[in-house]
Amino acid sequence: MVFRKTALGNASVPISAFADDTDSGFGIVAEPPNVKRGTLFLSRVEATEGNPAAFFGYFRLWNEGHDVTQVFPSNPHHVLEVHPVWGIRSTGFTYNPRPAVIFPMTGFSGYGASKFAQILSSVPGWLQVADDSRFVYVRLLKADNFYQLPVIVKQVKPIANGTGVAALVDVFSDAAHQNPVYQNLTVITAANDQLSSQLRPNWSTFLLGFFSVNLKKAEVIAAGHRRSAPVPAQGALEFFAFGVPLQKAVSKSQPCVPEND
């Protein structure tokens, strides 16, 4: 994927597209999590229709399959999202329920090691970056969305701008935390949510969330490396955690089949 270095400040150009194509269907979406009918947050979102709105949340770069297929007004081709969205500002109101919307849903499971182990083991091969004077080029893997990771927390620190907490974790493929598959993965949580207060060094736990590529880190790593010689950027991989999962991981989405881990 190609990202224009000035695109985030210029709504008149596509936020992203394939490196050898200009796709007017490409854009960016904002996804508020855990929104139910009858909630104030949903009514605020619906009230913005036809008006400019600013969404507050986490920039997520990942290809879960929305780079192709039919384009809808509310769901253009995209790999870049504000997800999760935890606030909105529009005509006449500002609504910011953070961190109330950031939590694992009851009855919801993410994919287990049968899915995430392959993604993590191949990171240096697929997550590669390059740049030139105008663009940052990021090679993305097309993969599923939510995962549940067995982890051991190594370090925890607040994010400088106060929007969250960053933890460094080792990832394992088994519930006993005996089979390591990836070291030093950066986990991000929203500031002041329940998980942020739980994270501590040497904690063996499970985290529900999704992968993302930090575009700013990718830009830094890509500096000076042209498309003819891209470089691995595993340092740009992140995992946004909603919390500790409420039930076992699954290997398939339909039907949900619990994993034996």
C-alpha atoms as a PDB file:
ATOM      1  CA  MET A   1       0.000   0.000   0.000  1.00  0.00           C
ATOM      2  CA  VAL A   2       1.107   3.592  -0.600  1.00  0.00           C
ATOM      3  CA  PHE A   3       0.439   6.434   1.838  1.00  0.00           C
ATOM      4  CA  ARG A   4       0.844  10.058   0.882  1.00  0.00           C
ATOM      5  CA  LYS A   5       2.938  11.784   3.548  1.00  0.00           C
ATOM      6  CA  THR A   6       0.600  14.791   3.606  1.00  0.00           C
ATOM      7  CA  ALA A   7      -2.670  12.898   3.197  1.00  0.00           C
ATOM      8  CA  LEU A   8      -3.746  12.971   6.836  1.00  0.00           C
ATOM      9  CA  GLY A   9      -3.964  16.735   6.631  1.00  0.00           C
ATOM     10  CA  ASN A  10      -5.611  16.884   3.218  1.00  0.00           C
ATOM     11  CA  ALA A  11      -9.075  15.406   2.828  1.00  0.00           C
ATOM     12  CA  SER A  12      -9.061  16.062  -0.944  1.00  0.00           C
ATOM     13  CA  VAL A  13      -6.735  13.134  -1.714  1.00  0.00           C
ATOM     14  CA  PRO A  14      -7.168   9.409  -1.070  1.00  0.00           C
ATOM     15  CA  ILE A  15      -5.679   8.317   2.236  1.00  0.00           C
ATOM     16  CA  SER A  16      -4.243   5.165   0.680  1.00  0.00           C
ATOM     17  CA  ALA A  17      -4.217   3.063  -2.455  1.00  0.00           C
ATOM     18  CA  PHE A  18      -2.328   0.229  -4.091  1.00  0.00           C
ATOM     19  CA  ALA A  19       1.232   1.263  -4.885  1.00  0.00           C
ATOM     20  CA  ASP A  20       0.697   1.061  -8.654  1.00  0.00           C
ATOM     21  CA  ASP A  21      -2.867   2.330  -8.765  1.00  0.00           C
ATOM     22  CA  THR A  22      -4.932   5.379  -7.883  1.00  0.00           C
ATOM     23  CA  ASP A  23      -8.268   4.157  -6.550  1.00  0.00           C
ATOM     24  CA  SER A  24     -10.884   6.840  -5.928  1.00  0.00           C
ATOM     25  CA  GLY A  25     -12.813   4.249  -3.936  1.00  0.00           C
ATOM     26  CA  PHE A  26     -10.095   4.160  -1.278  1.00  0.00           C
ATOM     27  CA  GLY A  27     -10.695   6.058   1.926  1.00  0.00           C
ATOM     28  CA  ILE A  28     -10.754   5.805   5.689  1.00  0.00           C
ATOM     29  CA  VAL A  29     -13.492   4.653   8.043  1.00  0.00           C
ATOM     30  CA  ALA A  30     -14.302   5.320  11.705  1.00  0.00           C
ATOM     31  CA  GLU A  31     -15.526   2.341  13.719  1.00  0.00           C
ATOM     32  CA  PRO A  32     -16.971   2.813  17.208  1.00  0.00           C
ATOM     33  CA  PRO A  33     -16.947  -0.529  19.082  1.00  0.00           C
ATOM     34  CA  ASN A  34     -19.624  -2.053  21.289  1.00  0.00           C
ATOM     35  CA  VAL A  35     -22.381   0.287  20.103  1.00  0.00           C
ATOM     36  CA  LYS A  36     -25.942  -0.876  20.734  1.00  0.00           C
ATOM     37  CA  ARG A  37     -29.290   0.520  19.659  1.00  0.00           C
ATOM     38  CA  GLY A  38     -30.647   3.013  22.151  1.00  0.00           C
ATOM     39  CA  THR A  39     -27.245   4.218  23.387  1.00  0.00           C
ATOM     40  CA  LEU A  40     -26.354   7.885  23.548  1.00  0.00           C
ATOM     41  CA  PHE A  41     -23.172   7.252  21.588  1.00  0.00           C
ATOM     42  CA  LEU A  42     -25.131   5.809  18.646  1.00  0.00           C
ATOM     43  CA  SER A  43     -27.593   8.688  18.667  1.00  0.00           C
ATOM     44  CA  ARG A  44     -24.678  11.128  18.586  1.00  0.00           C
ATOM     45  CA  VAL A  45     -23.110   9.301  15.645  1.00  0.00           C
ATOM     46  CA  GLU A  46     -26.396   9.249  13.718  1.00  0.00           C
ATOM     47  CA  ALA A  47     -26.916  12.932  14.435  1.00  0.00           C
ATOM     48  CA  THR A  48     -23.769  13.782  12.461  1.00  0.00           C
ATOM     49  CA  GLU A  49     -25.267  12.654   9.146  1.00  0.00           C
ATOM     50  CA  GLY A  50     -24.753  15.401   6.596  1.00  0.00           C
ATOM     51  CA  ASN A  51     -22.502  17.422   8.922  1.00  0.00           C
ATOM     52  CA  PRO A  52     -18.725  17.536   9.364  1.00  0.00           C
ATOM     53  CA  ALA A  53     -17.546  15.400  12.273  1.00  0.00           C
ATOM     54  CA  ALA A  54     -14.261  14.680  14.024  1.00  0.00           C
ATOM     55  CA  PHE A  55     -13.730  11.196  15.436  1.00  0.00           C
ATOM     56  CA  PHE A  56     -11.285  10.476  18.256  1.00  0.00           C
ATOM     57  CA  GLY A  57      -9.615   7.117  18.665  1.00  0.00           C
ATOM     58  CA  TYR A  58      -6.833   4.805  17.544  1.00  0.00           C
ATOM     59  CA  PHE A  59      -5.428   4.851  14.001  1.00  0.00           C
ATOM     60  CA  ARG A  60      -5.350   1.268  12.804  1.00  0.00           C
ATOM     61  CA  LEU A  61      -3.530   0.082   9.654  1.00  0.00           C
ATOM     62  CA  TRP A  62      -4.459  -3.492   8.703  1.00  0.00           C
ATOM     63  CA  ASN A  63      -5.857  -5.342   5.687  1.00  0.00           C
ATOM     64  CA  GLU A  64      -8.784  -7.476   6.806  1.00  0.00           C
ATOM     65  CA  GLY A  65     -10.082  -7.804   3.245  1.00  0.00           C
ATOM     66  CA  HIS A  66     -11.728  -4.429   2.624  1.00  0.00           C
ATOM     67  CA  ASP A  67      -9.178  -3.492  -0.044  1.00  0.00           C
ATOM     68  CA  VAL A  68     -11.420  -5.047  -2.714  1.00  0.00           C
ATOM     69  CA  THR A  69     -15.086  -5.954  -3.348  1.00  0.00           C
ATOM     70  CA  GLN A  70     -17.992  -3.551  -3.734  1.00  0.00           C
ATOM     71  CA  VAL A  71     -17.613   0.017  -2.459  1.00  0.00           C
ATOM     72  CA  PHE A  72     -20.363   1.366  -0.196  1.00  0.00           C
ATOM     73  CA  PRO A  73     -20.701   4.998   0.966  1.00  0.00           C
ATOM     74  CA  SER A  74     -20.122   3.945   4.586  1.00  0.00           C
ATOM     75  CA  ASN A  75     -17.427   1.376   3.787  1.00  0.00           C
ATOM     76  CA  PRO A  76     -15.003   2.388   1.019  1.00  0.00           C
ATOM     77  CA  HIS A  77     -12.008   0.302   0.094  1.00  0.00           C
ATOM     78  CA  HIS A  78      -9.706   0.799   3.054  1.00  0.00           C
ATOM     79  CA  VAL A  79      -6.862  -0.516   5.142  1.00  0.00           C
ATOM     80  CA  LEU A  80      -6.678   2.524   7.448  1.00  0.00           C
ATOM     81  CA  GLU A  81      -9.306   3.104  10.128  1.00  0.00           C
ATOM     82  CA  VAL A  82      -9.974   5.077  13.260  1.00  0.00           C
ATOM     83  CA  HIS A  83     -10.747   1.950  15.270  1.00  0.00           C
ATOM     84  CA  PRO A  84     -11.684   1.887  18.047  1.00  0.00           C
ATOM     85  CA  VAL A  85     -13.452   5.245  18.030  1.00  0.00           C
ATOM     86  CA  TRP A  86     -14.084   6.510  21.553  1.00  0.00           C
ATOM     87  CA  GLY A  87     -15.246  10.067  20.916  1.00  0.00           C
ATOM     88  CA  ILE A  88     -16.966  12.289  18.381  1.00  0.00           C
ATOM     89  CA  ARG A  89     -17.319  16.052  17.878  1.00  0.00           C
ATOM     90  CA  SER A  90     -19.808  17.568  15.464  1.00  0.00           C
ATOM     91  CA  THR A  91     -22.245  20.441  15.138  1.00  0.00           C
ATOM     92  CA  GLY A  92     -23.440  21.425  18.575  1.00  0.00           C
ATOM     93  CA  PHE A  93     -21.956  18.638  20.679  1.00  0.00           C
ATOM     94  CA  THR A  94     -18.891  16.742  21.801  1.00  0.00           C
ATOM     95  CA  TYR A  95     -19.258  13.220  23.141  1.00  0.00           C
ATOM     96  CA  ASN A  96     -16.309  11.351  24.609  1.00  0.00           C
ATOM     97  CA  PRO A  97     -17.242   8.226  26.595  1.00  0.00           C
ATOM     98  CA  ARG A  98     -13.696   6.837  26.836  1.00  0.00           C
ATOM     99  CA  PRO A  99     -12.911   4.352  28.231  1.00  0.00           C
ATOM    100  CA  ALA A 100     -16.446   2.999  28.655  1.00  0.00           C
ATOM    101  CA  VAL A 101     -16.626   1.649  25.074  1.00  0.00           C
ATOM    102  CA  ILE A 102     -13.330  -0.279  25.259  1.00  0.00           C
ATOM    103  CA  PHE A 103     -14.017  -3.737  26.681  1.00  0.00           C
ATOM    104  CA  PRO A 104     -14.361  -7.386  25.527  1.00  0.00           C
ATOM    105  CA  MET A 105     -17.918  -8.211  24.510  1.00  0.00           C
ATOM    106  CA  THR A 106     -19.782 -11.004  26.275  1.00  0.00           C
ATOM    107  CA  GLY A 107     -20.048 -14.058  24.047  1.00  0.00           C
ATOM    108  CA  PHE A 108     -17.337 -12.876  21.658  1.00  0.00           C
ATOM    109  CA  SER A 109     -14.146 -14.826  20.926  1.00  0.00           C
ATOM    110  CA  GLY A 110     -11.075 -14.020  18.868  1.00  0.00           C
ATOM    111  CA  TYR A 111      -8.967 -16.408  16.824  1.00  0.00           C
ATOM    112  CA  GLY A 112      -6.312 -18.478  18.595  1.00  0.00           C
ATOM    113  CA  ALA A 113      -2.848 -19.754  17.794  1.00  0.00           C
ATOM    114  CA  SER A 114      -3.947 -21.638  14.684  1.00  0.00           C
ATOM    115  CA  LYS A 115      -4.343 -18.195  13.112  1.00  0.00           C
ATOM    116  CA  PHE A 116      -1.988 -15.792  14.883  1.00  0.00           C
ATOM    117  CA  ALA A 117       1.099 -18.034  15.093  1.00  0.00           C
ATOM    118  CA  GLN A 118       1.535 -18.045  11.319  1.00  0.00           C
ATOM    119  CA  ILE A 119       1.045 -14.281  11.111  1.00  0.00           C
ATOM    120  CA  LEU A 120       3.678 -13.608  13.750  1.00  0.00           C
ATOM    121  CA  SER A 121       6.222 -16.131  12.490  1.00  0.00           C
ATOM    122  CA  SER A 122       6.190 -14.523   9.046  1.00  0.00           C
ATOM    123  CA  VAL A 123       6.301 -10.844  10.093  1.00  0.00           C
ATOM    124  CA  PRO A 124       9.801 -10.071   8.682  1.00  0.00           C
ATOM    125  CA  GLY A 125       8.726 -11.445   5.308  1.00  0.00           C
ATOM    126  CA  TRP A 126       5.443  -9.613   4.818  1.00  0.00           C
ATOM    127  CA  LEU A 127       5.811  -6.409   6.867  1.00  0.00           C
ATOM    128  CA  GLN A 128       8.254  -4.463   4.726  1.00  0.00           C
ATOM    129  CA  VAL A 129       8.441  -0.718   4.108  1.00  0.00           C
ATOM    130  CA  ALA A 130      10.055   1.833   1.801  1.00  0.00           C
ATOM    131  CA  ASP A 131       9.674   5.513   0.986  1.00  0.00           C
ATOM    132  CA  ASP A 132      10.432   8.348  -1.395  1.00  0.00           C
ATOM    133  CA  SER A 133      10.028  12.108  -1.158  1.00  0.00           C
ATOM    134  CA  ARG A 134       6.208  11.916  -1.267  1.00  0.00           C
ATOM    135  CA  PHE A 135       5.066   8.471  -0.152  1.00  0.00           C
ATOM    136  CA  VAL A 136       5.508   5.709   2.397  1.00  0.00           C
ATOM    137  CA  TYR A 137       5.072   2.196   1.011  1.00  0.00           C
ATOM    138  CA  VAL A 138       3.881  -0.556   3.354  1.00  0.00           C
ATOM    139  CA  ARG A 139       3.517  -4.211   2.459  1.00  0.00           C
ATOM    140  CA  LEU A 140       0.554  -5.664   4.358  1.00  0.00           C
ATOM    141  CA  LEU A 141      -0.672  -9.185   4.909  1.00  0.00           C
ATOM    142  CA  LYS A 142      -4.368  -9.861   4.334  1.00  0.00           C
ATOM    143  CA  ALA A 143      -5.518 -11.528   7.546  1.00  0.00           C
ATOM    144  CA  ASP A 144      -8.402 -11.921   9.960  1.00  0.00           C
ATOM    145  CA  ASN A 145      -9.484  -9.399  12.546  1.00  0.00           C
ATOM    146  CA  PHE A 146      -9.711 -10.230  16.282  1.00  0.00           C
ATOM    147  CA  TYR A 147      -7.281 -12.569  18.060  1.00  0.00           C
ATOM    148  CA  GLN A 148      -6.661 -13.857  21.588  1.00  0.00           C
ATOM    149  CA  LEU A 149      -2.998 -13.980  22.559  1.00  0.00           C
ATOM    150  CA  PRO A 150      -1.431 -15.783  25.533  1.00  0.00           C
ATOM    151  CA  VAL A 151       1.211 -13.295  26.692  1.00  0.00           C
ATOM    152  CA  ILE A 152       3.665 -12.516  29.460  1.00  0.00           C
ATOM    153  CA  VAL A 153       4.024  -8.796  30.095  1.00  0.00           C
ATOM    154  CA  LYS A 154       7.623  -7.539  30.241  1.00  0.00           C
ATOM    155  CA  GLN A 155       7.393  -3.738  30.435  1.00  0.00           C
ATOM    156  CA  VAL A 156       4.616  -1.169  30.886  1.00  0.00           C
ATOM    157  CA  LYS A 157       4.769   2.576  30.294  1.00  0.00           C
ATOM    158  CA  PRO A 158       2.320   5.421  29.569  1.00  0.00           C
ATOM    159  CA  ILE A 159       2.152   6.813  26.044  1.00  0.00           C
ATOM    160  CA  ALA A 160       3.669  10.307  25.977  1.00  0.00           C
ATOM    161  CA  ASN A 161       0.516  12.131  24.876  1.00  0.00           C
ATOM    162  CA  GLY A 162      -1.582  10.550  27.619  1.00  0.00           C
ATOM    163  CA  THR A 163      -3.939   8.658  25.311  1.00  0.00           C
ATOM    164  CA  GLY A 164      -2.986   5.178  26.423  1.00  0.00           C
ATOM    165  CA  VAL A 165      -0.535   2.676  27.806  1.00  0.00           C
ATOM    166  CA  ALA A 166       2.112   0.720  25.868  1.00  0.00           C
ATOM    167  CA  ALA A 167       3.280  -2.685  27.070  1.00  0.00           C
ATOM    168  CA  LEU A 168       5.990  -4.943  25.720  1.00  0.00           C
ATOM    169  CA  VAL A 169       4.963  -8.617  25.764  1.00  0.00           C
ATOM    170  CA  ASP A 170       6.130 -12.032  24.662  1.00  0.00           C
ATOM    171  CA  VAL A 171       3.486 -14.108  22.839  1.00  0.00           C
ATOM    172  CA  PHE A 172       2.944 -17.844  23.302  1.00  0.00           C
ATOM    173  CA  SER A 173       0.977 -20.450  21.360  1.00  0.00           C
ATOM    174  CA  ASP A 174      -0.346 -22.318  24.406  1.00  0.00           C
ATOM    175  CA  ALA A 175      -2.402 -21.573  27.490  1.00  0.00           C
ATOM    176  CA  ALA A 176       0.446 -22.646  29.780  1.00  0.00           C
ATOM    177  CA  HIS A 177       2.702 -19.935  28.312  1.00  0.00           C
ATOM    178  CA  GLN A 178       5.455 -22.460  27.542  1.00  0.00           C
ATOM    179  CA  ASN A 179       5.825 -22.231  23.733  1.00  0.00           C
ATOM    180  CA  PRO A 180       7.016 -18.759  22.665  1.00  0.00           C
ATOM    181  CA  VAL A 181       6.172 -17.639  19.118  1.00  0.00           C
ATOM    182  CA  TYR A 182       7.045 -13.924  19.178  1.00  0.00           C
ATOM    183  CA  GLN A 183       9.098 -11.639  21.406  1.00  0.00           C
ATOM    184  CA  ASN A 184       8.701  -7.955  22.221  1.00  0.00           C
ATOM    185  CA  LEU A 185       5.309  -7.243  20.670  1.00  0.00           C
ATOM    186  CA  THR A 186       3.999  -3.771  21.523  1.00  0.00           C
ATOM    187  CA  VAL A 187       0.506  -3.860  23.047  1.00  0.00           C
ATOM    188  CA  ILE A 188      -1.524  -0.632  23.174  1.00  0.00           C
ATOM    189  CA  THR A 189      -4.481   0.081  25.470  1.00  0.00           C
ATOM    190  CA  ALA A 190      -6.711   3.134  25.781  1.00  0.00           C
ATOM    191  CA  ALA A 191      -5.914   5.442  28.677  1.00  0.00           C
ATOM    192  CA  ASN A 192      -7.799   4.755  31.896  1.00  0.00           C
ATOM    193  CA  ASP A 193      -9.628   1.666  30.661  1.00  0.00           C
ATOM    194  CA  GLN A 194      -9.712  -1.402  32.899  1.00  0.00           C
ATOM    195  CA  LEU A 195      -6.863  -3.193  31.155  1.00  0.00           C
ATOM    196  CA  SER A 196      -4.514  -0.208  31.468  1.00  0.00           C
ATOM    197  CA  SER A 197      -4.696  -0.469  35.247  1.00  0.00           C
ATOM    198  CA  GLN A 198      -4.186  -4.259  35.165  1.00  0.00           C
ATOM    199  CA  LEU A 199      -1.036  -4.376  33.040  1.00  0.00           C
ATOM    200  CA  ARG A 200       2.093  -5.086  35.077  1.00  0.00           C
ATOM    201  CA  PRO A 201       5.475  -6.746  34.466  1.00  0.00           C
ATOM    202  CA  ASN A 202       5.628 -10.562  34.742  1.00  0.00           C
ATOM    203  CA  TRP A 203       1.848 -10.915  34.356  1.00  0.00           C
ATOM    204  CA  SER A 204       0.891 -14.100  32.463  1.00  0.00           C
ATOM    205  CA  THR A 205      -2.497 -13.511  30.864  1.00  0.00           C
ATOM    206  CA  PHE A 206      -4.556 -13.539  27.667  1.00  0.00           C
ATOM    207  CA  LEU A 207      -5.400 -10.451  25.624  1.00  0.00           C
ATOM    208  CA  LEU A 208      -8.277  -9.927  23.180  1.00  0.00           C
ATOM    209  CA  GLY A 209      -7.699  -7.420  20.426  1.00  0.00           C
ATOM    210  CA  PHE A 210      -6.400  -6.867  16.908  1.00  0.00           C
ATOM    211  CA  PHE A 211      -3.147  -6.263  15.097  1.00  0.00           C
ATOM    212  CA  SER A 212      -2.161  -2.969  13.532  1.00  0.00           C
ATOM    213  CA  VAL A 213       0.846  -1.413  11.825  1.00  0.00           C
ATOM    214  CA  ASN A 214       1.903   1.895  13.340  1.00  0.00           C
ATOM    215  CA  LEU A 215       2.218   4.111  10.274  1.00  0.00           C
ATOM    216  CA  LYS A 216       4.460   6.660  11.996  1.00  0.00           C
ATOM    217  CA  LYS A 217       6.896   3.930  13.060  1.00  0.00           C
ATOM    218  CA  ALA A 218       6.755   2.502   9.539  1.00  0.00           C
ATOM    219  CA  GLU A 219       7.646   5.914   8.115  1.00  0.00           C
ATOM    220  CA  VAL A 220      10.664   6.215  10.418  1.00  0.00           C
ATOM    221  CA  ILE A 221      11.917   2.715   9.563  1.00  0.00           C
ATOM    222  CA  ALA A 222      11.341   3.286   5.833  1.00  0.00           C
ATOM    223  CA  ALA A 223      13.396   6.497   5.688  1.00  0.00           C
ATOM    224  CA  GLY A 224      16.023   6.266   2.967  1.00  0.00           C
ATOM    225  CA  HIS A 225      14.931   2.850   1.686  1.00  0.00           C
ATOM    226  CA  ARG A 226      13.528   2.910  -1.828  1.00  0.00           C
ATOM    227  CA  ARG A 227      10.900   0.556  -3.238  1.00  0.00           C
ATOM    228  CA  SER A 228      13.570  -1.474  -4.996  1.00  0.00           C
ATOM    229  CA  ALA A 229      15.062  -2.393  -1.604  1.00  0.00           C
ATOM    230  CA  PRO A 230      12.373  -2.389   1.131  1.00  0.00           C
ATOM    231  CA  VAL A 231      13.308  -3.263   4.706  1.00  0.00           C
ATOM    232  CA  PRO A 232      11.546  -5.393   7.357  1.00  0.00           C
ATOM    233  CA  ALA A 233       9.564  -3.328   9.853  1.00  0.00           C
ATOM    234  CA  GLN A 234       8.549  -5.693  12.625  1.00  0.00           C
ATOM    235  CA  GLY A 235       9.073  -2.827  15.065  1.00  0.00           C
ATOM    236  CA  ALA A 236       5.985  -1.167  13.586  1.00  0.00           C
ATOM    237  CA  LEU A 237       3.675  -4.075  14.448  1.00  0.00           C
ATOM    238  CA  GLU A 238       1.276  -3.409  17.332  1.00  0.00           C
ATOM    239  CA  PHE A 239      -1.626  -5.147  19.040  1.00  0.00           C
ATOM    240  CA  PHE A 240      -4.514  -3.022  20.346  1.00  0.00           C
ATOM    241  CA  ALA A 241      -5.981  -4.843  23.349  1.00  0.00           C
ATOM    242  CA  PHE A 242      -9.587  -4.441  24.445  1.00  0.00           C
ATOM    243  CA  GLY A 243      -9.028  -6.497  27.593  1.00  0.00           C
ATOM    244  CA  VAL A 244      -8.807 -10.018  28.930  1.00  0.00           C
ATOM    245  CA  PRO A 245     -11.055 -12.326  26.823  1.00  0.00           C
ATOM    246  CA  LEU A 246     -14.188 -13.693  28.450  1.00  0.00           C
ATOM    247  CA  GLN A 247     -14.115 -17.108  26.762  1.00  0.00           C
ATOM    248  CA  LYS A 248     -11.828 -19.460  24.837  1.00  0.00           C
ATOM    249  CA  ALA A 249     -10.297 -18.638  21.494  1.00  0.00           C
ATOM    250  CA  VAL A 250     -11.745 -20.130  18.309  1.00  0.00           C
ATOM    251  CA  SER A 251     -10.229 -21.513  15.124  1.00  0.00           C
ATOM    252  CA  LYS A 252     -13.213 -20.804  12.869  1.00  0.00           C
ATOM    253  CA  SER A 253     -15.828 -18.090  12.752  1.00  0.00           C
ATOM    254  CA  GLN A 254     -18.753 -20.197  11.484  1.00  0.00           C
ATOM    255  CA  PRO A 255     -19.461 -22.141  13.565  1.00  0.00           C
ATOM    256  CA  CYS A 256     -17.322 -21.044  16.516  1.00  0.00           C
ATOM    257  CA  VAL A 257     -15.043 -23.959  17.347  1.00  0.00           C
ATOM    258  CA  PRO A 258     -13.070 -23.610  20.620  1.00  0.00           C
ATOM    259  CA  GLU A 259      -9.353 -24.284  20.392  1.00  0.00           C
ATOM    260  CA  ASN A 260      -7.655 -26.802  22.651  1.00  0.00           C
ATOM    261  CA  ASP A 261      -5.082 -24.406  24.055  1.00  0.00           C
END
